[in-house]
Amino acid sequence: MSAAGSAPAADPLAGLLGRIRSARPHVVLVDGAAGSGKTTLAARIARAVPRAQLLALDDLYPGWDGLDAAARTVAQQVLRPYRDGGLPRYRRWDWGVGAHAEPRVLDRHRPLVVEGCGAFGAGAAALADLRVWVETAGDERRRRLLERDGDAFDPFWPGWEAQFARYAGREHPRRLADVIVRS
């Protein structure tokens, strides 16, 4: 991965992670298409921010057609209360059962890193201190998904890509980014 505009280093993300450590953002959003490297980058960011909590939108998508629903949930039930002094919470989606599971509560006094397709959506971008967009060529994204998930994602790939394209066309998330990372 390389951060746009950063100087070459042994670790291409060292500059970005250093900036994040020094700025100490309270809410960081990591968005991009499936297979772009969001999860890996978000985990590194969470490790760079002391006491950070990491929320994967995979826990919020209510099934394979749920990109927009998860974006609304993170904006309305997590980030808005997080900013307004309320109780940030959500119900985890249980993929095995295909239904909502137990509620989860986040600590609004600890930094939060949210990652997933649609993380900037439904007004969430305006509630973040730092917005990171991750992009990768489509063939590389597909290769990564196959490596990670085998062929389990295959039947859902076309529909997921169509949802993401609608989201990107409507909300223009790349334009909302403070930092663009090419992986």
N, C-alpha and C. Protein backbone atom coordinates (compact mmCIF):
# COMPACT_ATOMS: atom_id res chain seq x y z
N MET A 1 0.85 -1.18 0.00
CA MET A 1 0.00 0.00 0.00
C MET A 1 0.89 1.23 0.00
N SER A 2 0.41 2.26 -0.60
CA SER A 2 1.14 3.52 -0.53
C SER A 2 0.16 4.65 -0.33
N ALA A 3 0.51 5.58 0.50
CA ALA A 3 -0.34 6.73 0.75
C ALA A 3 -0.04 7.79 -0.28
N ALA A 4 -1.07 8.32 -0.90
CA ALA A 4 -0.89 9.36 -1.91
C ALA A 4 -0.19 10.56 -1.28
N GLY A 5 0.81 11.06 -1.93
CA GLY A 5 1.49 12.25 -1.48
C GLY A 5 2.54 12.02 -0.40
N SER A 6 2.77 10.79 0.02
CA SER A 6 3.76 10.56 1.06
C SER A 6 5.11 10.24 0.44
N ALA A 7 6.16 10.54 1.18
CA ALA A 7 7.51 10.28 0.71
C ALA A 7 7.79 8.79 0.78
N PRO A 8 8.65 8.27 -0.12
CA PRO A 8 8.98 6.85 -0.06
C PRO A 8 9.63 6.51 1.29
N ALA A 9 9.27 5.37 1.82
CA ALA A 9 9.83 4.91 3.09
C ALA A 9 9.87 3.40 3.06
N ALA A 10 10.56 2.81 4.03
CA ALA A 10 10.60 1.36 4.12
C ALA A 10 9.17 0.82 4.25
N ASP A 11 8.36 1.51 5.03
CA ASP A 11 6.94 1.19 5.15
C ASP A 11 6.19 2.35 4.50
N PRO A 12 5.54 2.12 3.35
CA PRO A 12 4.89 3.20 2.65
C PRO A 12 3.80 3.91 3.46
N LEU A 13 3.28 3.25 4.48
CA LEU A 13 2.24 3.87 5.29
C LEU A 13 2.78 4.54 6.55
N ALA A 14 4.08 4.49 6.76
CA ALA A 14 4.66 5.04 7.98
C ALA A 14 4.30 6.52 8.15
N GLY A 15 4.36 7.29 7.07
CA GLY A 15 4.02 8.71 7.15
C GLY A 15 2.57 8.92 7.56
N LEU A 16 1.67 8.18 6.95
CA LEU A 16 0.26 8.30 7.29
C LEU A 16 0.02 7.90 8.73
N LEU A 17 0.56 6.78 9.16
CA LEU A 17 0.36 6.32 10.53
C LEU A 17 0.98 7.29 11.53
N GLY A 18 2.11 7.88 11.18
CA GLY A 18 2.73 8.89 12.04
C GLY A 18 1.83 10.11 12.18
N ARG A 19 1.24 10.55 11.08
CA ARG A 19 0.32 11.70 11.13
C ARG A 19 -0.90 11.37 11.99
N ILE A 20 -1.40 10.16 11.87
CA ILE A 20 -2.56 9.76 12.66
C ILE A 20 -2.21 9.73 14.14
N ARG A 21 -1.04 9.17 14.47
CA ARG A 21 -0.62 9.13 15.88
C ARG A 21 -0.51 10.53 16.47
N SER A 22 0.06 11.45 15.71
CA SER A 22 0.26 12.80 16.26
C SER A 22 -1.04 13.60 16.29
N ALA A 23 -1.95 13.39 15.34
CA ALA A 23 -3.20 14.14 15.31
C ALA A 23 -4.22 13.58 16.31
N ARG A 24 -4.10 12.31 16.64
CA ARG A 24 -5.01 11.63 17.57
C ARG A 24 -6.48 11.87 17.22
N PRO A 25 -6.89 11.49 16.03
CA PRO A 25 -8.29 11.66 15.65
C PRO A 25 -9.18 10.78 16.52
N HIS A 26 -10.38 11.24 16.79
CA HIS A 26 -11.29 10.46 17.60
C HIS A 26 -12.09 9.47 16.74
N VAL A 27 -12.44 9.87 15.51
CA VAL A 27 -13.18 8.99 14.61
C VAL A 27 -12.47 8.96 13.25
N VAL A 28 -12.09 7.75 12.83
CA VAL A 28 -11.46 7.54 11.53
C VAL A 28 -12.34 6.58 10.74
N LEU A 29 -12.67 6.97 9.51
CA LEU A 29 -13.43 6.10 8.62
C LEU A 29 -12.51 5.62 7.50
N VAL A 30 -12.60 4.34 7.16
CA VAL A 30 -11.83 3.75 6.08
C VAL A 30 -12.82 3.12 5.11
N ASP A 31 -12.86 3.63 3.88
CA ASP A 31 -13.83 3.20 2.88
C ASP A 31 -13.11 2.82 1.61
N GLY A 32 -13.78 2.08 0.75
CA GLY A 32 -13.26 1.66 -0.54
C GLY A 32 -14.02 0.42 -0.99
N ALA A 33 -13.75 -0.02 -2.18
CA ALA A 33 -14.45 -1.17 -2.74
C ALA A 33 -14.00 -2.48 -2.08
N ALA A 34 -14.77 -3.52 -2.26
CA ALA A 34 -14.45 -4.84 -1.72
C ALA A 34 -13.09 -5.30 -2.22
N GLY A 35 -12.26 -5.79 -1.31
CA GLY A 35 -10.95 -6.31 -1.68
C GLY A 35 -9.88 -5.27 -1.85
N SER A 36 -10.17 -4.01 -1.51
CA SER A 36 -9.18 -2.95 -1.73
C SER A 36 -8.10 -2.90 -0.66
N GLY A 37 -8.33 -3.50 0.49
CA GLY A 37 -7.34 -3.48 1.57
C GLY A 37 -7.79 -2.68 2.78
N LYS A 38 -9.06 -2.36 2.87
CA LYS A 38 -9.59 -1.56 3.97
C LYS A 38 -9.37 -2.21 5.33
N THR A 39 -9.67 -3.49 5.43
CA THR A 39 -9.58 -4.18 6.71
C THR A 39 -8.15 -4.19 7.24
N THR A 40 -7.21 -4.48 6.37
CA THR A 40 -5.80 -4.52 6.75
C THR A 40 -5.33 -3.13 7.19
N LEU A 41 -5.68 -2.11 6.40
CA LEU A 41 -5.27 -0.75 6.75
C LEU A 41 -5.94 -0.30 8.05
N ALA A 42 -7.22 -0.56 8.21
CA ALA A 42 -7.93 -0.13 9.42
C ALA A 42 -7.33 -0.78 10.67
N ALA A 43 -6.93 -2.03 10.57
CA ALA A 43 -6.29 -2.70 11.71
C ALA A 43 -4.98 -2.01 12.07
N ARG A 44 -4.23 -1.60 11.06
CA ARG A 44 -2.97 -0.88 11.33
C ARG A 44 -3.24 0.47 11.96
N ILE A 45 -4.26 1.16 11.48
CA ILE A 45 -4.62 2.46 12.05
C ILE A 45 -5.05 2.28 13.50
N ALA A 46 -5.89 1.28 13.76
CA ALA A 46 -6.36 1.04 15.13
C ALA A 46 -5.20 0.74 16.07
N ARG A 47 -4.20 0.03 15.58
CA ARG A 47 -3.02 -0.24 16.43
C ARG A 47 -2.20 1.02 16.66
N ALA A 48 -2.27 1.98 15.74
CA ALA A 48 -1.49 3.22 15.86
C ALA A 48 -2.14 4.24 16.79
N VAL A 49 -3.43 4.08 17.05
CA VAL A 49 -4.17 5.03 17.90
C VAL A 49 -4.40 4.36 19.25
N PRO A 50 -3.81 4.89 20.31
CA PRO A 50 -3.97 4.27 21.63
C PRO A 50 -5.44 4.09 22.02
N ARG A 51 -5.78 2.88 22.48
CA ARG A 51 -7.10 2.51 22.99
C ARG A 51 -8.19 2.50 21.92
N ALA A 52 -7.83 2.51 20.66
CA ALA A 52 -8.84 2.57 19.60
C ALA A 52 -9.72 1.32 19.56
N GLN A 53 -10.97 1.55 19.22
CA GLN A 53 -11.93 0.48 18.96
C GLN A 53 -12.03 0.34 17.44
N LEU A 54 -12.22 -0.87 16.97
CA LEU A 54 -12.34 -1.11 15.53
C LEU A 54 -13.71 -1.71 15.25
N LEU A 55 -14.45 -1.07 14.36
CA LEU A 55 -15.77 -1.55 13.97
C LEU A 55 -15.75 -1.85 12.49
N ALA A 56 -16.01 -3.09 12.14
CA ALA A 56 -16.09 -3.52 10.74
C ALA A 56 -17.55 -3.48 10.31
N LEU A 57 -17.80 -2.83 9.17
CA LEU A 57 -19.17 -2.79 8.66
C LEU A 57 -19.69 -4.19 8.33
N ASP A 58 -18.81 -5.17 8.20
CA ASP A 58 -19.25 -6.56 8.01
C ASP A 58 -20.20 -6.97 9.15
N ASP A 59 -20.04 -6.37 10.33
CA ASP A 59 -20.93 -6.66 11.46
C ASP A 59 -22.26 -5.92 11.36
N LEU A 60 -22.37 -4.99 10.41
CA LEU A 60 -23.59 -4.19 10.29
C LEU A 60 -24.40 -4.47 9.04
N TYR A 61 -23.77 -4.98 7.96
CA TYR A 61 -24.53 -5.25 6.74
C TYR A 61 -25.60 -6.29 7.05
N PRO A 62 -26.89 -5.97 6.85
CA PRO A 62 -27.92 -6.98 7.07
C PRO A 62 -28.09 -7.85 5.83
N GLY A 63 -27.09 -8.64 5.56
CA GLY A 63 -27.10 -9.51 4.39
C GLY A 63 -26.41 -8.87 3.20
N TRP A 64 -26.45 -9.60 2.09
CA TRP A 64 -25.69 -9.21 0.90
C TRP A 64 -26.26 -8.00 0.18
N ASP A 65 -27.46 -7.58 0.53
CA ASP A 65 -28.05 -6.40 -0.09
C ASP A 65 -28.05 -5.22 0.87
N GLY A 66 -27.20 -5.25 1.89
CA GLY A 66 -27.30 -4.30 2.98
C GLY A 66 -26.29 -3.18 3.06
N LEU A 67 -25.62 -2.84 1.96
CA LEU A 67 -24.60 -1.79 2.03
C LEU A 67 -25.21 -0.47 2.51
N ASP A 68 -26.29 -0.01 1.92
CA ASP A 68 -26.90 1.27 2.31
C ASP A 68 -27.45 1.22 3.73
N ALA A 69 -28.03 0.10 4.12
CA ALA A 69 -28.56 -0.04 5.48
C ALA A 69 -27.45 0.07 6.51
N ALA A 70 -26.31 -0.54 6.25
CA ALA A 70 -25.18 -0.47 7.18
C ALA A 70 -24.65 0.95 7.27
N ALA A 71 -24.60 1.67 6.14
CA ALA A 71 -24.14 3.06 6.15
C ALA A 71 -25.07 3.91 7.03
N ARG A 72 -26.37 3.70 6.90
CA ARG A 72 -27.32 4.44 7.74
C ARG A 72 -27.14 4.09 9.22
N THR A 73 -26.96 2.81 9.50
CA THR A 73 -26.78 2.37 10.89
C THR A 73 -25.55 3.00 11.51
N VAL A 74 -24.44 2.96 10.80
CA VAL A 74 -23.21 3.52 11.39
C VAL A 74 -23.35 5.03 11.60
N ALA A 75 -24.00 5.72 10.67
CA ALA A 75 -24.16 7.17 10.81
C ALA A 75 -25.13 7.50 11.94
N GLN A 76 -26.29 6.85 11.97
CA GLN A 76 -27.35 7.23 12.91
C GLN A 76 -27.21 6.61 14.29
N GLN A 77 -26.79 5.35 14.37
CA GLN A 77 -26.78 4.67 15.65
C GLN A 77 -25.41 4.62 16.32
N VAL A 78 -24.35 4.85 15.53
CA VAL A 78 -23.01 4.81 16.10
C VAL A 78 -22.39 6.21 16.13
N LEU A 79 -22.19 6.82 14.97
CA LEU A 79 -21.44 8.08 14.93
C LEU A 79 -22.21 9.28 15.48
N ARG A 80 -23.49 9.40 15.16
CA ARG A 80 -24.25 10.54 15.69
C ARG A 80 -24.26 10.52 17.21
N PRO A 81 -24.64 9.41 17.87
CA PRO A 81 -24.56 9.38 19.33
C PRO A 81 -23.13 9.56 19.85
N TYR A 82 -22.18 9.04 19.13
CA TYR A 82 -20.78 9.18 19.50
C TYR A 82 -20.41 10.65 19.61
N ARG A 83 -20.86 11.46 18.65
CA ARG A 83 -20.57 12.89 18.61
C ARG A 83 -21.44 13.71 19.56
N ASP A 84 -22.69 13.25 19.77
CA ASP A 84 -23.64 14.03 20.56
C ASP A 84 -23.67 13.66 22.03
N GLY A 85 -22.79 12.76 22.46
CA GLY A 85 -22.75 12.38 23.87
C GLY A 85 -23.73 11.29 24.25
N GLY A 86 -24.30 10.63 23.25
CA GLY A 86 -25.24 9.54 23.51
C GLY A 86 -24.53 8.21 23.64
N LEU A 87 -25.28 7.16 23.45
CA LEU A 87 -24.76 5.80 23.57
C LEU A 87 -24.63 5.18 22.19
N PRO A 88 -23.40 5.09 21.65
CA PRO A 88 -23.22 4.48 20.33
C PRO A 88 -23.39 2.96 20.42
N ARG A 89 -24.36 2.46 19.65
CA ARG A 89 -24.64 1.02 19.72
C ARG A 89 -25.24 0.54 18.40
N TYR A 90 -25.20 -0.76 18.24
CA TYR A 90 -25.75 -1.40 17.04
C TYR A 90 -26.03 -2.85 17.38
N ARG A 91 -26.79 -3.49 16.52
CA ARG A 91 -27.00 -4.93 16.65
C ARG A 91 -26.17 -5.62 15.58
N ARG A 92 -25.33 -6.52 16.01
CA ARG A 92 -24.46 -7.26 15.11
C ARG A 92 -25.31 -8.15 14.20
N TRP A 93 -24.90 -8.24 12.93
CA TRP A 93 -25.56 -9.14 11.99
C TRP A 93 -24.90 -10.50 12.08
N ASP A 94 -25.67 -11.53 12.29
CA ASP A 94 -25.18 -12.90 12.35
C ASP A 94 -25.35 -13.50 10.95
N TRP A 95 -24.25 -13.62 10.24
CA TRP A 95 -24.29 -14.11 8.85
C TRP A 95 -24.73 -15.56 8.77
N GLY A 96 -24.40 -16.37 9.76
CA GLY A 96 -24.77 -17.78 9.75
C GLY A 96 -26.27 -17.99 9.90
N VAL A 97 -26.91 -17.16 10.70
CA VAL A 97 -28.34 -17.27 10.95
C VAL A 97 -29.14 -16.40 9.97
N GLY A 98 -28.50 -15.32 9.50
CA GLY A 98 -29.19 -14.39 8.60
C GLY A 98 -30.15 -13.47 9.32
N ALA A 99 -29.75 -13.05 10.54
CA ALA A 99 -30.60 -12.16 11.34
C ALA A 99 -29.73 -11.35 12.29
N HIS A 100 -30.33 -10.29 12.84
CA HIS A 100 -29.61 -9.51 13.83
C HIS A 100 -29.38 -10.35 15.08
N ALA A 101 -28.26 -10.11 15.71
CA ALA A 101 -27.88 -10.85 16.91
C ALA A 101 -27.82 -9.87 18.08
N GLU A 102 -26.90 -10.11 18.98
CA GLU A 102 -26.81 -9.33 20.21
C GLU A 102 -26.46 -7.86 19.94
N PRO A 103 -26.93 -6.99 20.82
CA PRO A 103 -26.54 -5.58 20.71
C PRO A 103 -25.10 -5.40 21.19
N ARG A 104 -24.46 -4.43 20.63
CA ARG A 104 -23.10 -4.08 21.06
C ARG A 104 -23.06 -2.59 21.32
N VAL A 105 -22.31 -2.22 22.35
CA VAL A 105 -22.18 -0.83 22.74
C VAL A 105 -20.71 -0.44 22.63
N LEU A 106 -20.47 0.74 22.08
CA LEU A 106 -19.11 1.25 21.95
C LEU A 106 -18.87 2.32 23.02
N ASP A 107 -17.62 2.49 23.39
CA ASP A 107 -17.23 3.49 24.39
C ASP A 107 -16.93 4.80 23.67
N ARG A 108 -17.77 5.80 23.83
CA ARG A 108 -17.58 7.07 23.12
C ARG A 108 -16.39 7.87 23.63
N HIS A 109 -15.77 7.41 24.69
CA HIS A 109 -14.58 8.09 25.22
C HIS A 109 -13.29 7.51 24.64
N ARG A 110 -13.42 6.47 23.84
CA ARG A 110 -12.26 5.86 23.19
C ARG A 110 -12.32 6.16 21.70
N PRO A 111 -11.16 6.32 21.05
CA PRO A 111 -11.15 6.52 19.59
C PRO A 111 -11.82 5.35 18.87
N LEU A 112 -12.35 5.66 17.68
CA LEU A 112 -13.07 4.66 16.91
C LEU A 112 -12.58 4.67 15.47
N VAL A 113 -12.27 3.48 14.96
CA VAL A 113 -11.93 3.29 13.55
C VAL A 113 -13.04 2.42 12.96
N VAL A 114 -13.69 2.93 11.91
CA VAL A 114 -14.77 2.21 11.24
C VAL A 114 -14.29 1.89 9.84
N GLU A 115 -14.41 0.63 9.43
CA GLU A 115 -13.99 0.25 8.08
C GLU A 115 -15.05 -0.56 7.39
N GLY A 116 -15.16 -0.31 6.08
CA GLY A 116 -16.05 -1.11 5.27
C GLY A 116 -16.55 -0.35 4.06
N CYS A 117 -17.07 -1.09 3.11
CA CYS A 117 -17.69 -0.49 1.93
C CYS A 117 -18.89 0.33 2.38
N GLY A 118 -18.89 1.60 2.06
CA GLY A 118 -19.99 2.47 2.45
C GLY A 118 -19.75 3.23 3.74
N ALA A 119 -18.56 3.16 4.31
CA ALA A 119 -18.28 3.81 5.59
C ALA A 119 -18.48 5.33 5.56
N PHE A 120 -18.34 5.95 4.39
CA PHE A 120 -18.53 7.41 4.30
C PHE A 120 -19.98 7.77 4.06
N GLY A 121 -20.85 6.79 3.86
CA GLY A 121 -22.21 7.02 3.40
C GLY A 121 -23.17 7.55 4.44
N ALA A 122 -24.32 7.99 3.98
CA ALA A 122 -25.46 8.42 4.80
C ALA A 122 -25.08 9.52 5.79
N GLY A 123 -24.14 10.36 5.42
CA GLY A 123 -23.73 11.46 6.28
C GLY A 123 -22.63 11.12 7.27
N ALA A 124 -22.15 9.88 7.28
CA ALA A 124 -21.11 9.48 8.22
C ALA A 124 -19.82 10.26 8.02
N ALA A 125 -19.49 10.58 6.77
CA ALA A 125 -18.23 11.28 6.49
C ALA A 125 -18.14 12.59 7.25
N ALA A 126 -19.26 13.30 7.39
CA ALA A 126 -19.25 14.59 8.09
C ALA A 126 -19.03 14.43 9.59
N LEU A 127 -19.18 13.22 10.11
CA LEU A 127 -19.04 12.97 11.54
C LEU A 127 -17.65 12.45 11.91
N ALA A 128 -16.76 12.36 10.93
CA ALA A 128 -15.42 11.80 11.16
C ALA A 128 -14.37 12.88 11.24
N ASP A 129 -13.29 12.57 11.94
CA ASP A 129 -12.13 13.46 12.00
C ASP A 129 -11.18 13.21 10.83
N LEU A 130 -11.16 11.97 10.35
CA LEU A 130 -10.28 11.60 9.25
C LEU A 130 -10.99 10.56 8.39
N ARG A 131 -10.96 10.79 7.08
CA ARG A 131 -11.59 9.90 6.11
C ARG A 131 -10.50 9.37 5.18
N VAL A 132 -10.33 8.05 5.17
CA VAL A 132 -9.30 7.42 4.36
C VAL A 132 -9.99 6.56 3.30
N TRP A 133 -9.67 6.83 2.03
CA TRP A 133 -10.21 6.07 0.90
C TRP A 133 -9.11 5.13 0.43
N VAL A 134 -9.45 3.86 0.25
CA VAL A 134 -8.49 2.85 -0.20
C VAL A 134 -8.94 2.38 -1.58
N GLU A 135 -7.99 2.39 -2.52
CA GLU A 135 -8.35 1.93 -3.87
C GLU A 135 -7.30 0.98 -4.43
N THR A 136 -7.81 0.06 -5.23
CA THR A 136 -7.02 -0.99 -5.86
C THR A 136 -7.69 -1.36 -7.17
N ALA A 137 -6.91 -1.76 -8.13
CA ALA A 137 -7.46 -2.20 -9.42
C ALA A 137 -8.43 -3.37 -9.21
N GLY A 138 -9.47 -3.42 -10.04
CA GLY A 138 -10.51 -4.44 -9.93
C GLY A 138 -10.01 -5.87 -9.97
N ASP A 139 -9.06 -6.16 -10.86
CA ASP A 139 -8.56 -7.54 -10.95
C ASP A 139 -7.80 -7.93 -9.69
N GLU A 140 -7.06 -6.99 -9.09
CA GLU A 140 -6.35 -7.26 -7.85
C GLU A 140 -7.33 -7.43 -6.69
N ARG A 141 -8.36 -6.63 -6.66
CA ARG A 141 -9.39 -6.77 -5.62
C ARG A 141 -10.02 -8.15 -5.69
N ARG A 142 -10.35 -8.56 -6.89
CA ARG A 142 -10.99 -9.87 -7.09
C ARG A 142 -10.05 -10.99 -6.65
N ARG A 143 -8.78 -10.89 -6.99
CA ARG A 143 -7.80 -11.89 -6.58
C ARG A 143 -7.72 -11.98 -5.06
N ARG A 144 -7.70 -10.84 -4.40
CA ARG A 144 -7.62 -10.81 -2.94
C ARG A 144 -8.85 -11.46 -2.30
N LEU A 145 -10.01 -11.15 -2.85
CA LEU A 145 -11.24 -11.73 -2.31
C LEU A 145 -11.25 -13.25 -2.46
N LEU A 146 -10.80 -13.72 -3.61
CA LEU A 146 -10.74 -15.17 -3.82
C LEU A 146 -9.73 -15.81 -2.86
N GLU A 147 -8.62 -15.13 -2.64
CA GLU A 147 -7.61 -15.64 -1.72
C GLU A 147 -8.15 -15.68 -0.29
N ARG A 148 -8.86 -14.64 0.09
CA ARG A 148 -9.38 -14.54 1.45
C ARG A 148 -10.60 -15.44 1.69
N ASP A 149 -11.56 -15.41 0.77
CA ASP A 149 -12.85 -16.07 0.99
C ASP A 149 -13.08 -17.29 0.13
N GLY A 150 -12.13 -17.65 -0.71
CA GLY A 150 -12.36 -18.75 -1.64
C GLY A 150 -13.47 -18.35 -2.60
N ASP A 151 -14.29 -19.30 -2.99
CA ASP A 151 -15.36 -18.97 -3.93
C ASP A 151 -16.67 -18.63 -3.22
N ALA A 152 -16.65 -18.48 -1.89
CA ALA A 152 -17.87 -18.18 -1.13
C ALA A 152 -18.49 -16.84 -1.55
N PHE A 153 -17.66 -15.90 -1.99
CA PHE A 153 -18.13 -14.56 -2.37
C PHE A 153 -18.64 -14.54 -3.81
N ASP A 154 -18.26 -15.54 -4.60
CA ASP A 154 -18.58 -15.57 -6.04
C ASP A 154 -20.05 -15.26 -6.37
N PRO A 155 -21.01 -15.94 -5.76
CA PRO A 155 -22.39 -15.68 -6.17
C PRO A 155 -22.87 -14.27 -5.83
N PHE A 156 -22.18 -13.62 -4.89
CA PHE A 156 -22.61 -12.31 -4.42
C PHE A 156 -21.84 -11.16 -5.05
N TRP A 157 -20.72 -11.47 -5.73
CA TRP A 157 -19.85 -10.45 -6.30
C TRP A 157 -20.58 -9.48 -7.22
N PRO A 158 -21.34 -9.93 -8.21
CA PRO A 158 -22.00 -8.98 -9.12
C PRO A 158 -22.97 -8.03 -8.39
N GLY A 159 -23.77 -8.57 -7.49
CA GLY A 159 -24.72 -7.73 -6.76
C GLY A 159 -24.04 -6.75 -5.84
N TRP A 160 -22.98 -7.21 -5.17
CA TRP A 160 -22.24 -6.33 -4.26
C TRP A 160 -21.57 -5.20 -5.04
N GLU A 161 -20.95 -5.53 -6.14
CA GLU A 161 -20.30 -4.51 -6.97
C GLU A 161 -21.32 -3.49 -7.49
N ALA A 162 -22.52 -3.96 -7.86
CA ALA A 162 -23.57 -3.05 -8.33
C ALA A 162 -24.02 -2.11 -7.21
N GLN A 163 -24.19 -2.65 -5.99
CA GLN A 163 -24.54 -1.80 -4.84
C GLN A 163 -23.47 -0.75 -4.61
N PHE A 164 -22.21 -1.20 -4.64
CA PHE A 164 -21.11 -0.28 -4.37
C PHE A 164 -21.04 0.80 -5.46
N ALA A 165 -21.27 0.41 -6.71
CA ALA A 165 -21.26 1.39 -7.81
C ALA A 165 -22.37 2.43 -7.62
N ARG A 166 -23.56 2.00 -7.20
CA ARG A 166 -24.66 2.94 -6.93
C ARG A 166 -24.27 3.89 -5.81
N TYR A 167 -23.72 3.34 -4.73
CA TYR A 167 -23.27 4.15 -3.60
C TYR A 167 -22.22 5.17 -4.05
N ALA A 168 -21.22 4.70 -4.78
CA ALA A 168 -20.14 5.59 -5.24
C ALA A 168 -20.67 6.66 -6.18
N GLY A 169 -21.59 6.30 -7.06
CA GLY A 169 -22.17 7.27 -7.98
C GLY A 169 -23.04 8.31 -7.29
N ARG A 170 -23.67 7.92 -6.23
CA ARG A 170 -24.57 8.82 -5.49
C ARG A 170 -23.83 9.70 -4.50
N GLU A 171 -22.89 9.12 -3.75
CA GLU A 171 -22.25 9.84 -2.64
C GLU A 171 -20.84 10.35 -2.95
N HIS A 172 -20.24 9.87 -4.03
CA HIS A 172 -18.89 10.29 -4.42
C HIS A 172 -17.91 10.21 -3.25
N PRO A 173 -17.77 9.03 -2.63
CA PRO A 173 -16.95 8.92 -1.43
C PRO A 173 -15.48 9.26 -1.63
N ARG A 174 -14.94 8.99 -2.79
CA ARG A 174 -13.52 9.31 -3.01
C ARG A 174 -13.26 10.80 -2.83
N ARG A 175 -14.22 11.62 -3.26
CA ARG A 175 -14.08 13.08 -3.11
C ARG A 175 -14.13 13.52 -1.66
N LEU A 176 -14.72 12.72 -0.81
CA LEU A 176 -14.86 13.06 0.61
C LEU A 176 -13.60 12.73 1.41
N ALA A 177 -12.68 12.00 0.80
CA ALA A 177 -11.50 11.51 1.51
C ALA A 177 -10.51 12.62 1.84
N ASP A 178 -9.94 12.52 3.02
CA ASP A 178 -8.81 13.38 3.40
C ASP A 178 -7.51 12.79 2.91
N VAL A 179 -7.47 11.46 2.83
CA VAL A 179 -6.29 10.73 2.40
C VAL A 179 -6.74 9.62 1.46
N ILE A 180 -6.00 9.44 0.37
CA ILE A 180 -6.24 8.34 -0.55
C ILE A 180 -5.04 7.39 -0.49
N VAL A 181 -5.34 6.13 -0.25
CA VAL A 181 -4.28 5.12 -0.16
C VAL A 181 -4.48 4.16 -1.33
N ARG A 182 -3.43 3.95 -2.09
CA ARG A 182 -3.48 2.98 -3.19
C ARG A 182 -2.77 1.72 -2.71
N SER A 183 -3.48 0.60 -2.80
CA SER A 183 -2.88 -0.63 -2.29
C SER A 183 -2.80 -1.66 -3.39
